[in-house]
Amino acid sequence: MLLEKLVEGVLRVQTPLGPRFVKPVFAERVYLLWLFRNFPTLPANVLSRRQQQRIEGMCQKRGFVSHFGIGRQEEFAVLGTLEQRPPVDETSQARSIAAGIRDAVSSLAVDAQRQS
């Protein structure tokens, strides 16, 4: 299995649109095997800035491989899975919740004024 990963392994990147696959060159496959040696799946935020830049560069250079079918994913040796979730901006999330509450209260106030 290790030899198969070295020869034809792919990096799986979990995106909001679903999994995408990158076909790295040999040296990059060795690096990814080392990076994912203890955990098969890693969130992007646990990687160092240098590791993130290296993987981003790999994705930009190689691009995502688009010909992987849903049923064929098991045929390929996956070096590791990188979870790339969009960052959560807590301040904008809190503002949107506050705006929703404010809108609900103001609509109730308007209804109360109409009834009186």
PDB file of N, CA and C in Angstrom:
ATOM      1  N   MET A   1       0.830  -1.196   0.000  1.00  0.00           N
ATOM      2  CA  MET A   1       0.000   0.000   0.000  1.00  0.00           C
ATOM      3  C   MET A   1       0.873   1.257   0.000  1.00  0.00           C
ATOM      4  N   LEU A   2       1.962   1.244   0.743  1.00  0.00           N
ATOM      5  CA  LEU A   2       2.859   2.387   0.793  1.00  0.00           C
ATOM      6  C   LEU A   2       3.488   2.642  -0.575  1.00  0.00           C
ATOM      7  N   LEU A   3       3.884   1.582  -1.237  1.00  0.00           N
ATOM      8  CA  LEU A   3       4.474   1.714  -2.563  1.00  0.00           C
ATOM      9  C   LEU A   3       3.456   2.264  -3.561  1.00  0.00           C
ATOM     10  N   GLU A   4       2.231   1.804  -3.449  1.00  0.00           N
ATOM     11  CA  GLU A   4       1.157   2.296  -4.322  1.00  0.00           C
ATOM     12  C   GLU A   4       0.928   3.790  -4.102  1.00  0.00           C
ATOM     13  N   LYS A   5       0.954   4.227  -2.850  1.00  0.00           N
ATOM     14  CA  LYS A   5       0.783   5.650  -2.547  1.00  0.00           C
ATOM     15  C   LYS A   5       1.945   6.467  -3.112  1.00  0.00           C
ATOM     16  N   LEU A   6       3.176   5.928  -3.022  1.00  0.00           N
ATOM     17  CA  LEU A   6       4.331   6.640  -3.564  1.00  0.00           C
ATOM     18  C   LEU A   6       4.269   6.764  -5.082  1.00  0.00           C
ATOM     19  N   VAL A   7       3.731   5.753  -5.734  1.00  0.00           N
ATOM     20  CA  VAL A   7       3.712   5.734  -7.195  1.00  0.00           C
ATOM     21  C   VAL A   7       2.565   6.559  -7.770  1.00  0.00           C
ATOM     22  N   GLU A   8       1.366   6.408  -7.209  1.00  0.00           N
ATOM     23  CA  GLU A   8       0.214   7.075  -7.825  1.00  0.00           C
ATOM     24  C   GLU A   8      -0.756   7.680  -6.829  1.00  0.00           C
ATOM     25  N   GLY A   9      -0.289   8.061  -5.664  1.00  0.00           N
ATOM     26  CA  GLY A   9      -1.163   8.623  -4.647  1.00  0.00           C
ATOM     27  C   GLY A   9      -1.692   9.998  -5.006  1.00  0.00           C
ATOM     28  N   VAL A  10      -2.856  10.324  -4.453  1.00  0.00           N
ATOM     29  CA  VAL A  10      -3.483  11.619  -4.673  1.00  0.00           C
ATOM     30  C   VAL A  10      -3.792  12.256  -3.318  1.00  0.00           C
ATOM     31  N   LEU A  11      -3.887  13.566  -3.327  1.00  0.00           N
ATOM     32  CA  LEU A  11      -4.297  14.315  -2.143  1.00  0.00           C
ATOM     33  C   LEU A  11      -5.771  14.655  -2.307  1.00  0.00           C
ATOM     34  N   ARG A  12      -6.566  14.306  -1.314  1.00  0.00           N
ATOM     35  CA  ARG A  12      -7.996  14.652  -1.337  1.00  0.00           C
ATOM     36  C   ARG A  12      -8.176  15.946  -0.550  1.00  0.00           C
ATOM     37  N   VAL A  13      -8.846  16.915  -1.155  1.00  0.00           N
ATOM     38  CA  VAL A  13      -9.119  18.196  -0.507  1.00  0.00           C
ATOM     39  C   VAL A  13     -10.629  18.315  -0.373  1.00  0.00           C
ATOM     40  N   GLN A  14     -11.105  18.378   0.873  1.00  0.00           N
ATOM     41  CA  GLN A  14     -12.541  18.540   1.111  1.00  0.00           C
ATOM     42  C   GLN A  14     -12.885  20.014   0.984  1.00  0.00           C
ATOM     43  N   THR A  15     -13.737  20.342   0.032  1.00  0.00           N
ATOM     44  CA  THR A  15     -14.165  21.716  -0.196  1.00  0.00           C
ATOM     45  C   THR A  15     -15.668  21.804   0.023  1.00  0.00           C
ATOM     46  N   PRO A  16     -16.214  23.005   0.108  1.00  0.00           N
ATOM     47  CA  PRO A  16     -17.678  23.128   0.229  1.00  0.00           C
ATOM     48  C   PRO A  16     -18.419  22.501  -0.956  1.00  0.00           C
ATOM     49  N   LEU A  17     -17.753  22.357  -2.085  1.00  0.00           N
ATOM     50  CA  LEU A  17     -18.367  21.757  -3.266  1.00  0.00           C
ATOM     51  C   LEU A  17     -18.190  20.249  -3.320  1.00  0.00           C
ATOM     52  N   GLY A  18     -17.523  19.684  -2.346  1.00  0.00           N
ATOM     53  CA  GLY A  18     -17.273  18.251  -2.319  1.00  0.00           C
ATOM     54  C   GLY A  18     -15.790  17.963  -2.434  1.00  0.00           C
ATOM     55  N   PRO A  19     -15.425  16.688  -2.440  1.00  0.00           N
ATOM     56  CA  PRO A  19     -14.001  16.353  -2.493  1.00  0.00           C
ATOM     57  C   PRO A  19     -13.391  16.638  -3.851  1.00  0.00           C
ATOM     58  N   ARG A  20     -12.173  17.156  -3.834  1.00  0.00           N
ATOM     59  CA  ARG A  20     -11.391  17.397  -5.047  1.00  0.00           C
ATOM     60  C   ARG A  20     -10.067  16.671  -4.861  1.00  0.00           C
ATOM     61  N   PHE A  21      -9.444  16.279  -5.962  1.00  0.00           N
ATOM     62  CA  PHE A  21      -8.221  15.488  -5.896  1.00  0.00           C
ATOM     63  C   PHE A  21      -7.094  16.191  -6.639  1.00  0.00           C
ATOM     64  N   VAL A  22      -5.900  16.134  -6.065  1.00  0.00           N
ATOM     65  CA  VAL A  22      -4.701  16.711  -6.659  1.00  0.00           C
ATOM     66  C   VAL A  22      -3.722  15.571  -6.890  1.00  0.00           C
ATOM     67  N   LYS A  23      -3.144  15.530  -8.071  1.00  0.00           N
ATOM     68  CA  LYS A  23      -2.156  14.491  -8.417  1.00  0.00           C
ATOM     69  C   LYS A  23      -0.768  15.109  -8.298  1.00  0.00           C
ATOM     70  N   PRO A  24      -0.084  14.947  -7.144  1.00  0.00           N
ATOM     71  CA  PRO A  24       1.251  15.538  -6.951  1.00  0.00           C
ATOM     72  C   PRO A  24       2.340  14.726  -7.660  1.00  0.00           C
ATOM     73  N   VAL A  25       3.482  15.361  -7.832  1.00  0.00           N
ATOM     74  CA  VAL A  25       4.645  14.661  -8.376  1.00  0.00           C
ATOM     75  C   VAL A  25       5.281  13.849  -7.242  1.00  0.00           C
ATOM     76  N   PHE A  26       6.286  13.031  -7.579  1.00  0.00           N
ATOM     77  CA  PHE A  26       6.869  12.087  -6.616  1.00  0.00           C
ATOM     78  C   PHE A  26       7.352  12.765  -5.331  1.00  0.00           C
ATOM     79  N   ALA A  27       8.123  13.830  -5.460  1.00  0.00           N
ATOM     80  CA  ALA A  27       8.664  14.508  -4.265  1.00  0.00           C
ATOM     81  C   ALA A  27       7.538  15.048  -3.386  1.00  0.00           C
ATOM     82  N   GLU A  28       6.490  15.548  -3.999  1.00  0.00           N
ATOM     83  CA  GLU A  28       5.349  16.060  -3.240  1.00  0.00           C
ATOM     84  C   GLU A  28       4.596  14.912  -2.556  1.00  0.00           C
ATOM     85  N   ARG A  29       4.534  13.762  -3.215  1.00  0.00           N
ATOM     86  CA  ARG A  29       3.880  12.597  -2.597  1.00  0.00           C
ATOM     87  C   ARG A  29       4.645  12.149  -1.353  1.00  0.00           C
ATOM     88  N   VAL A  30       5.965  12.166  -1.419  1.00  0.00           N
ATOM     89  CA  VAL A  30       6.784  11.803  -0.251  1.00  0.00           C
ATOM     90  C   VAL A  30       6.509  12.782   0.889  1.00  0.00           C
ATOM     91  N   TYR A  31       6.461  14.079   0.571  1.00  0.00           N
ATOM     92  CA  TYR A  31       6.189  15.102   1.575  1.00  0.00           C
ATOM     93  C   TYR A  31       4.800  14.898   2.191  1.00  0.00           C
ATOM     94  N   LEU A  32       3.809  14.604   1.354  1.00  0.00           N
ATOM     95  CA  LEU A  32       2.452  14.410   1.858  1.00  0.00           C
ATOM     96  C   LEU A  32       2.338  13.148   2.710  1.00  0.00           C
ATOM     97  N   LEU A  33       3.058  12.102   2.345  1.00  0.00           N
ATOM     98  CA  LEU A  33       3.070  10.901   3.185  1.00  0.00           C
ATOM     99  C   LEU A  33       3.622  11.218   4.565  1.00  0.00           C
ATOM    100  N   TRP A  34       4.673  12.016   4.608  1.00  0.00           N
ATOM    101  CA  TRP A  34       5.241  12.418   5.891  1.00  0.00           C
ATOM    102  C   TRP A  34       4.255  13.295   6.661  1.00  0.00           C
ATOM    103  N   LEU A  35       3.594  14.224   5.956  1.00  0.00           N
ATOM    104  CA  LEU A  35       2.673  15.154   6.598  1.00  0.00           C
ATOM    105  C   LEU A  35       1.469  14.427   7.199  1.00  0.00           C
ATOM    106  N   PHE A  36       0.951  13.438   6.502  1.00  0.00           N
ATOM    107  CA  PHE A  36      -0.218  12.697   6.958  1.00  0.00           C
ATOM    108  C   PHE A  36       0.168  11.362   7.615  1.00  0.00           C
ATOM    109  N   ARG A  37       1.379  11.272   8.163  1.00  0.00           N
ATOM    110  CA  ARG A  37       1.874  10.006   8.714  1.00  0.00           C
ATOM    111  C   ARG A  37       1.086   9.546   9.933  1.00  0.00           C
ATOM    112  N   ASN A  38       0.562  10.459  10.731  1.00  0.00           N
ATOM    113  CA  ASN A  38      -0.151  10.072  11.953  1.00  0.00           C
ATOM    114  C   ASN A  38      -1.664  10.175  11.840  1.00  0.00           C
ATOM    115  N   PHE A  39      -2.146  11.054  10.963  1.00  0.00           N
ATOM    116  CA  PHE A  39      -3.582  11.267  10.831  1.00  0.00           C
ATOM    117  C   PHE A  39      -3.957  11.263   9.352  1.00  0.00           C
ATOM    118  N   PRO A  40      -4.949  10.484   8.955  1.00  0.00           N
ATOM    119  CA  PRO A  40      -5.336  10.446   7.547  1.00  0.00           C
ATOM    120  C   PRO A  40      -6.067  11.709   7.101  1.00  0.00           C
ATOM    121  N   THR A  41      -6.639  12.439   8.041  1.00  0.00           N
ATOM    122  CA  THR A  41      -7.378  13.665   7.729  1.00  0.00           C
ATOM    123  C   THR A  41      -6.895  14.776   8.646  1.00  0.00           C
ATOM    124  N   LEU A  42      -6.611  15.936   8.053  1.00  0.00           N
ATOM    125  CA  LEU A  42      -6.172  17.088   8.837  1.00  0.00           C
ATOM    126  C   LEU A  42      -6.946  18.324   8.420  1.00  0.00           C
ATOM    127  N   PRO A  43      -7.408  19.137   9.381  1.00  0.00           N
ATOM    128  CA  PRO A  43      -7.974  20.430   9.020  1.00  0.00           C
ATOM    129  C   PRO A  43      -6.845  21.385   8.625  1.00  0.00           C
ATOM    130  N   ALA A  44      -7.126  22.277   7.706  1.00  0.00           N
ATOM    131  CA  ALA A  44      -6.093  23.178   7.191  1.00  0.00           C
ATOM    132  C   ALA A  44      -5.513  24.067   8.284  1.00  0.00           C
ATOM    133  N   ASN A  45      -6.310  24.405   9.285  1.00  0.00           N
ATOM    134  CA  ASN A  45      -5.819  25.345  10.296  1.00  0.00           C
ATOM    135  C   ASN A  45      -4.806  24.735  11.267  1.00  0.00           C
ATOM    136  N   VAL A  46      -4.585  23.424  11.259  1.00  0.00           N
ATOM    137  CA  VAL A  46      -3.553  22.844  12.124  1.00  0.00           C
ATOM    138  C   VAL A  46      -2.189  22.816  11.443  1.00  0.00           C
ATOM    139  N   LEU A  47      -2.156  23.099  10.157  1.00  0.00           N
ATOM    140  CA  LEU A  47      -0.891  23.124   9.429  1.00  0.00           C
ATOM    141  C   LEU A  47      -0.193  24.454   9.652  1.00  0.00           C
ATOM    142  N   SER A  48       1.118  24.441   9.572  1.00  0.00           N
ATOM    143  CA  SER A  48       1.869  25.689   9.672  1.00  0.00           C
ATOM    144  C   SER A  48       1.633  26.514   8.406  1.00  0.00           C
ATOM    145  N   ARG A  49       1.997  27.770   8.481  1.00  0.00           N
ATOM    146  CA  ARG A  49       1.823  28.653   7.319  1.00  0.00           C
ATOM    147  C   ARG A  49       2.603  28.109   6.116  1.00  0.00           C
ATOM    148  N   ARG A  50       3.790  27.626   6.370  1.00  0.00           N
ATOM    149  CA  ARG A  50       4.619  27.084   5.282  1.00  0.00           C
ATOM    150  C   ARG A  50       3.980  25.841   4.661  1.00  0.00           C
ATOM    151  N   GLN A  51       3.443  24.971   5.495  1.00  0.00           N
ATOM    152  CA  GLN A  51       2.778  23.772   4.979  1.00  0.00           C
ATOM    153  C   GLN A  51       1.537  24.147   4.167  1.00  0.00           C
ATOM    154  N   GLN A  52       0.779  25.121   4.662  1.00  0.00           N
ATOM    155  CA  GLN A  52      -0.406  25.570   3.927  1.00  0.00           C
ATOM    156  C   GLN A  52      -0.017  26.161   2.574  1.00  0.00           C
ATOM    157  N   GLN A  53       1.045  26.981   2.565  1.00  0.00           N
ATOM    158  CA  GLN A  53       1.498  27.580   1.309  1.00  0.00           C
ATOM    159  C   GLN A  53       1.976  26.513   0.332  1.00  0.00           C
ATOM    160  N   ARG A  54       2.638  25.513   0.851  1.00  0.00           N
ATOM    161  CA  ARG A  54       3.139  24.446  -0.013  1.00  0.00           C
ATOM    162  C   ARG A  54       1.988  23.667  -0.653  1.00  0.00           C
ATOM    163  N   ILE A  55       0.960  23.370   0.120  1.00  0.00           N
ATOM    164  CA  ILE A  55      -0.189  22.641  -0.415  1.00  0.00           C
ATOM    165  C   ILE A  55      -0.990  23.529  -1.360  1.00  0.00           C
ATOM    166  N   GLU A  56      -1.143  24.813  -1.035  1.00  0.00           N
ATOM    167  CA  GLU A  56      -1.837  25.739  -1.941  1.00  0.00           C
ATOM    168  C   GLU A  56      -1.092  25.841  -3.268  1.00  0.00           C
ATOM    169  N   GLY A  57       0.234  25.919  -3.200  1.00  0.00           N
ATOM    170  CA  GLY A  57       1.032  25.967  -4.426  1.00  0.00           C
ATOM    171  C   GLY A  57       0.869  24.694  -5.245  1.00  0.00           C
ATOM    172  N   MET A  58       0.813  23.571  -4.556  1.00  0.00           N
ATOM    173  CA  MET A  58       0.612  22.291  -5.226  1.00  0.00           C
ATOM    174  C   MET A  58      -0.739  22.271  -5.949  1.00  0.00           C
ATOM    175  N   CYS A  59      -1.771  22.764  -5.276  1.00  0.00           N
ATOM    176  CA  CYS A  59      -3.105  22.799  -5.884  1.00  0.00           C
ATOM    177  C   CYS A  59      -3.140  23.743  -7.078  1.00  0.00           C
ATOM    178  N   GLN A  60      -2.446  24.869  -6.989  1.00  0.00           N
ATOM    179  CA  GLN A  60      -2.427  25.827  -8.097  1.00  0.00           C
ATOM    180  C   GLN A  60      -1.627  25.298  -9.272  1.00  0.00           C
ATOM    181  N   LYS A  61      -0.475  24.685  -9.002  1.00  0.00           N
ATOM    182  CA  LYS A  61       0.374  24.160 -10.079  1.00  0.00           C
ATOM    183  C   LYS A  61      -0.275  22.974 -10.773  1.00  0.00           C
ATOM    184  N   ARG A  62      -0.717  22.034  -9.987  1.00  0.00           N
ATOM    185  CA  ARG A  62      -1.228  20.777 -10.536  1.00  0.00           C
ATOM    186  C   ARG A  62      -2.696  20.870 -10.927  1.00  0.00           C
ATOM    187  N   GLY A  63      -3.440  21.721 -10.240  1.00  0.00           N
ATOM    188  CA  GLY A  63      -4.875  21.795 -10.486  1.00  0.00           C
ATOM    189  C   GLY A  63      -5.567  20.559  -9.932  1.00  0.00           C
ATOM    190  N   PHE A  64      -6.863  20.627  -9.881  1.00  0.00           N
ATOM    191  CA  PHE A  64      -7.636  19.498  -9.396  1.00  0.00           C
ATOM    192  C   PHE A  64      -7.906  18.541 -10.543  1.00  0.00           C
ATOM    193  N   VAL A  65      -7.796  17.264 -10.260  1.00  0.00           N
ATOM    194  CA  VAL A  65      -8.075  16.234 -11.250  1.00  0.00           C
ATOM    195  C   VAL A  65      -9.579  16.063 -11.282  1.00  0.00           C
ATOM    196  N   SER A  66     -10.173  16.209 -12.455  1.00  0.00           N
ATOM    197  CA  SER A  66     -11.629  16.209 -12.538  1.00  0.00           C
ATOM    198  C   SER A  66     -12.214  14.900 -13.022  1.00  0.00           C
ATOM    199  N   HIS A  67     -11.411  13.951 -13.455  1.00  0.00           N
ATOM    200  CA  HIS A  67     -11.961  12.739 -14.039  1.00  0.00           C
ATOM    201  C   HIS A  67     -12.165  11.597 -13.050  1.00  0.00           C
ATOM    202  N   PHE A  68     -12.138  11.886 -11.752  1.00  0.00           N
ATOM    203  CA  PHE A  68     -12.401  10.849 -10.763  1.00  0.00           C
ATOM    204  C   PHE A  68     -13.902  10.679 -10.635  1.00  0.00           C
ATOM    205  N   GLY A  69     -14.392   9.496 -10.895  1.00  0.00           N
ATOM    206  CA  GLY A  69     -15.812   9.217 -10.731  1.00  0.00           C
ATOM    207  C   GLY A  69     -16.122   8.872  -9.287  1.00  0.00           C
ATOM    208  N   ILE A  70     -17.374   8.975  -8.910  1.00  0.00           N
ATOM    209  CA  ILE A  70     -17.754   8.710  -7.525  1.00  0.00           C
ATOM    210  C   ILE A  70     -17.432   7.270  -7.160  1.00  0.00           C
ATOM    211  N   GLY A  71     -17.716   6.332  -8.032  1.00  0.00           N
ATOM    212  CA  GLY A  71     -17.453   4.936  -7.742  1.00  0.00           C
ATOM    213  C   GLY A  71     -15.988   4.564  -7.832  1.00  0.00           C
ATOM    214  N   ARG A  72     -15.171   5.393  -8.463  1.00  0.00           N
ATOM    215  CA  ARG A  72     -13.763   5.064  -8.677  1.00  0.00           C
ATOM    216  C   ARG A  72     -12.855   5.603  -7.584  1.00  0.00           C
ATOM    217  N   GLN A  73     -13.357   6.348  -6.638  1.00  0.00           N
ATOM    218  CA  GLN A  73     -12.505   6.951  -5.614  1.00  0.00           C
ATOM    219  C   GLN A  73     -11.738   5.904  -4.818  1.00  0.00           C
ATOM    220  N   GLU A  74     -12.345   4.748  -4.616  1.00  0.00           N
ATOM    221  CA  GLU A  74     -11.695   3.726  -3.813  1.00  0.00           C
ATOM    222  C   GLU A  74     -10.505   3.111  -4.537  1.00  0.00           C
ATOM    223  N   GLU A  75     -10.443   3.245  -5.872  1.00  0.00           N
ATOM    224  CA  GLU A  75      -9.364   2.648  -6.639  1.00  0.00           C
ATOM    225  C   GLU A  75      -8.043   3.388  -6.463  1.00  0.00           C
ATOM    226  N   PHE A  76      -8.092   4.617  -6.044  1.00  0.00           N
ATOM    227  CA  PHE A  76      -6.903   5.444  -5.964  1.00  0.00           C
ATOM    228  C   PHE A  76      -6.377   5.484  -4.540  1.00  0.00           C
ATOM    229  N   ALA A  77      -5.076   5.477  -4.438  1.00  0.00           N
ATOM    230  CA  ALA A  77      -4.432   5.559  -3.132  1.00  0.00           C
ATOM    231  C   ALA A  77      -4.447   7.013  -2.671  1.00  0.00           C
ATOM    232  N   VAL A  78      -5.156   7.280  -1.597  1.00  0.00           N
ATOM    233  CA  VAL A  78      -5.264   8.638  -1.065  1.00  0.00           C
ATOM    234  C   VAL A  78      -4.162   8.829  -0.032  1.00  0.00           C
ATOM    235  N   LEU A  79      -3.299   9.807  -0.289  1.00  0.00           N
ATOM    236  CA  LEU A  79      -2.197  10.112   0.620  1.00  0.00           C
ATOM    237  C   LEU A  79      -2.702  10.707   1.928  1.00  0.00           C
ATOM    238  N   GLY A  80      -3.730  11.511   1.835  1.00  0.00           N
ATOM    239  CA  GLY A  80      -4.309  12.168   2.994  1.00  0.00           C
ATOM    240  C   GLY A  80      -5.459  13.040   2.546  1.00  0.00           C
ATOM    241  N   THR A  81      -6.242  13.481   3.503  1.00  0.00           N
ATOM    242  CA  THR A  81      -7.382  14.341   3.230  1.00  0.00           C
ATOM    243  C   THR A  81      -7.194  15.644   3.980  1.00  0.00           C
ATOM    244  N   LEU A  82      -7.292  16.732   3.257  1.00  0.00           N
ATOM    245  CA  LEU A  82      -7.176  18.064   3.843  1.00  0.00           C
ATOM    246  C   LEU A  82      -8.563  18.676   3.883  1.00  0.00           C
ATOM    247  N   GLU A  83      -9.012  19.024   5.072  1.00  0.00           N
ATOM    248  CA  GLU A  83     -10.317  19.663   5.221  1.00  0.00           C
ATOM    249  C   GLU A  83     -10.139  21.160   5.095  1.00  0.00           C
ATOM    250  N   GLN A  84     -10.712  21.727   4.075  1.00  0.00           N
ATOM    251  CA  GLN A  84     -10.631  23.178   3.889  1.00  0.00           C
ATOM    252  C   GLN A  84     -12.014  23.762   4.061  1.00  0.00           C
ATOM    253  N   ARG A  85     -12.314  24.113   5.289  1.00  0.00           N
ATOM    254  CA  ARG A  85     -13.593  24.734   5.577  1.00  0.00           C
ATOM    255  C   ARG A  85     -13.408  26.236   5.503  1.00  0.00           C
ATOM    256  N   PRO A  86     -14.439  26.944   5.022  1.00  0.00           N
ATOM    257  CA  PRO A  86     -14.299  28.400   5.000  1.00  0.00           C
ATOM    258  C   PRO A  86     -14.194  28.933   6.420  1.00  0.00           C
ATOM    259  N   PRO A  87     -13.344  29.938   6.637  1.00  0.00           N
ATOM    260  CA  PRO A  87     -13.189  30.472   7.993  1.00  0.00           C
ATOM    261  C   PRO A  87     -14.494  31.086   8.485  1.00  0.00           C
ATOM    262  N   VAL A  88     -14.770  30.891   9.750  1.00  0.00           N
ATOM    263  CA  VAL A  88     -15.981  31.426  10.350  1.00  0.00           C
ATOM    264  C   VAL A  88     -15.647  32.777  10.952  1.00  0.00           C
ATOM    265  N   ASP A  89     -16.324  33.799  10.467  1.00  0.00           N
ATOM    266  CA  ASP A  89     -16.134  35.142  10.995  1.00  0.00           C
ATOM    267  C   ASP A  89     -17.190  35.351  12.072  1.00  0.00           C
ATOM    268  N   GLU A  90     -16.780  35.230  13.325  1.00  0.00           N
ATOM    269  CA  GLU A  90     -17.730  35.283  14.431  1.00  0.00           C
ATOM    270  C   GLU A  90     -18.398  36.635  14.561  1.00  0.00           C
ATOM    271  N   THR A  91     -17.702  37.717  14.234  1.00  0.00           N
ATOM    272  CA  THR A  91     -18.312  39.037  14.377  1.00  0.00           C
ATOM    273  C   THR A  91     -19.418  39.240  13.353  1.00  0.00           C
ATOM    274  N   SER A  92     -19.207  38.819  12.111  1.00  0.00           N
ATOM    275  CA  SER A  92     -20.264  38.978  11.111  1.00  0.00           C
ATOM    276  C   SER A  92     -21.418  38.038  11.400  1.00  0.00           C
ATOM    277  N   GLN A  93     -21.120  36.861  11.958  1.00  0.00           N
ATOM    278  CA  GLN A  93     -22.173  35.915  12.318  1.00  0.00           C
ATOM    279  C   GLN A  93     -23.015  36.501  13.458  1.00  0.00           C
ATOM    280  N   ALA A  94     -22.374  37.109  14.432  1.00  0.00           N
ATOM    281  CA  ALA A  94     -23.098  37.726  15.545  1.00  0.00           C
ATOM    282  C   ALA A  94     -23.929  38.903  15.053  1.00  0.00           C
ATOM    283  N   ARG A  95     -23.390  39.671  14.111  1.00  0.00           N
ATOM    284  CA  ARG A  95     -24.140  40.803  13.551  1.00  0.00           C
ATOM    285  C   ARG A  95     -25.375  40.331  12.808  1.00  0.00           C
ATOM    286  N   SER A  96     -25.246  39.249  12.046  1.00  0.00           N
ATOM    287  CA  SER A  96     -26.402  38.761  11.296  1.00  0.00           C
ATOM    288  C   SER A  96     -27.473  38.223  12.239  1.00  0.00           C
ATOM    289  N   ILE A  97     -27.072  37.594  13.342  1.00  0.00           N
ATOM    290  CA  ILE A  97     -28.045  37.126  14.328  1.00  0.00           C
ATOM    291  C   ILE A  97     -28.734  38.315  14.979  1.00  0.00           C
ATOM    292  N   ALA A  98     -27.957  39.337  15.354  1.00  0.00           N
ATOM    293  CA  ALA A  98     -28.525  40.533  15.970  1.00  0.00           C
ATOM    294  C   ALA A  98     -29.465  41.239  14.998  1.00  0.00           C
ATOM    295  N   ALA A  99     -29.104  41.295  13.728  1.00  0.00           N
ATOM    296  CA  ALA A  99     -29.967  41.928  12.731  1.00  0.00           C
ATOM    297  C   ALA A  99     -31.266  41.148  12.579  1.00  0.00           C
ATOM    298  N   GLY A 100     -31.194  39.838  12.602  1.00  0.00           N
ATOM    299  CA  GLY A 100     -32.399  39.015  12.508  1.00  0.00           C
ATOM    300  C   GLY A 100     -33.319  39.235  13.691  1.00  0.00           C
ATOM    301  N   ILE A 101     -32.753  39.328  14.882  1.00  0.00           N
ATOM    302  CA  ILE A 101     -33.553  39.590  16.089  1.00  0.00           C
ATOM    303  C   ILE A 101     -34.170  40.972  16.010  1.00  0.00           C
ATOM    304  N   ARG A 102     -33.375  41.964  15.590  1.00  0.00           N
ATOM    305  CA  ARG A 102     -33.872  43.332  15.476  1.00  0.00           C
ATOM    306  C   ARG A 102     -35.028  43.409  14.480  1.00  0.00           C
ATOM    307  N   ASP A 103     -34.907  42.727  13.351  1.00  0.00           N
ATOM    308  CA  ASP A 103     -35.971  42.740  12.349  1.00  0.00           C
ATOM    309  C   ASP A 103     -37.240  42.073  12.877  1.00  0.00           C
ATOM    310  N   ALA A 104     -37.079  40.976  13.614  1.00  0.00           N
ATOM    311  CA  ALA A 104     -38.245  40.282  14.164  1.00  0.00           C
ATOM    312  C   ALA A 104     -38.950  41.153  15.198  1.00  0.00           C
ATOM    313  N   VAL A 105     -38.180  41.819  16.058  1.00  0.00           N
ATOM    314  CA  VAL A 105     -38.767  42.671  17.089  1.00  0.00           C
ATOM    315  C   VAL A 105     -39.444  43.876  16.454  1.00  0.00           C
ATOM    316  N   SER A 106     -38.833  44.480  15.451  1.00  0.00           N
ATOM    317  CA  SER A 106     -39.441  45.651  14.817  1.00  0.00           C
ATOM    318  C   SER A 106     -40.729  45.287  14.086  1.00  0.00           C
ATOM    319  N   SER A 107     -40.778  44.106  13.472  1.00  0.00           N
ATOM    320  CA  SER A 107     -42.023  43.703  12.806  1.00  0.00           C
ATOM    321  C   SER A 107     -43.121  43.441  13.834  1.00  0.00           C
ATOM    322  N   LEU A 108     -42.768  42.900  15.015  1.00  0.00           N
ATOM    323  CA  LEU A 108     -43.756  42.710  16.069  1.00  0.00           C
ATOM    324  C   LEU A 108     -44.249  44.052  16.595  1.00  0.00           C
ATOM    325  N   ALA A 109     -43.355  45.026  16.702  1.00  0.00           N
ATOM    326  CA  ALA A 109     -43.727  46.351  17.177  1.00  0.00           C
ATOM    327  C   ALA A 109     -44.688  47.030  16.200  1.00  0.00           C
ATOM    328  N   VAL A 110     -44.424  46.867  14.897  1.00  0.00           N
ATOM    329  CA  VAL A 110     -45.306  47.460  13.879  1.00  0.00           C
ATOM    330  C   VAL A 110     -46.678  46.810  13.949  1.00  0.00           C
ATOM    331  N   ASP A 111     -46.720  45.498  14.098  1.00  0.00           N
ATOM    332  CA  ASP A 111     -48.002  44.801  14.212  1.00  0.00           C
ATOM    333  C   ASP A 111     -48.767  45.243  15.460  1.00  0.00           C
ATOM    334  N   ALA A 112     -48.078  45.445  16.567  1.00  0.00           N
ATOM    335  CA  ALA A 112     -48.707  45.869  17.805  1.00  0.00           C
ATOM    336  C   ALA A 112     -49.277  47.287  17.662  1.00  0.00           C
ATOM    337  N   GLN A 113     -48.561  48.172  16.939  1.00  0.00           N
ATOM    338  CA  GLN A 113     -49.037  49.531  16.739  1.00  0.00           C
ATOM    339  C   GLN A 113     -50.278  49.540  15.834  1.00  0.00           C
ATOM    340  N   ARG A 114     -50.333  48.677  14.854  1.00  0.00           N
ATOM    341  CA  ARG A 114     -51.481  48.607  13.937  1.00  0.00           C
ATOM    342  C   ARG A 114     -52.721  48.127  14.691  1.00  0.00           C
ATOM    343  N   GLN A 115     -52.548  47.210  15.626  1.00  0.00           N
ATOM    344  CA  GLN A 115     -53.689  46.660  16.339  1.00  0.00           C
ATOM    345  C   GLN A 115     -54.219  47.627  17.392  1.00  0.00           C
ATOM    346  N   SER A 116     -53.435  48.576  17.840  1.00  0.00           N
ATOM    347  CA  SER A 116     -53.885  49.485  18.883  1.00  0.00           C
ATOM    348  C   SER A 116     -54.468  50.758  18.331  1.00  0.00           C
TER     349      SER A 116
END
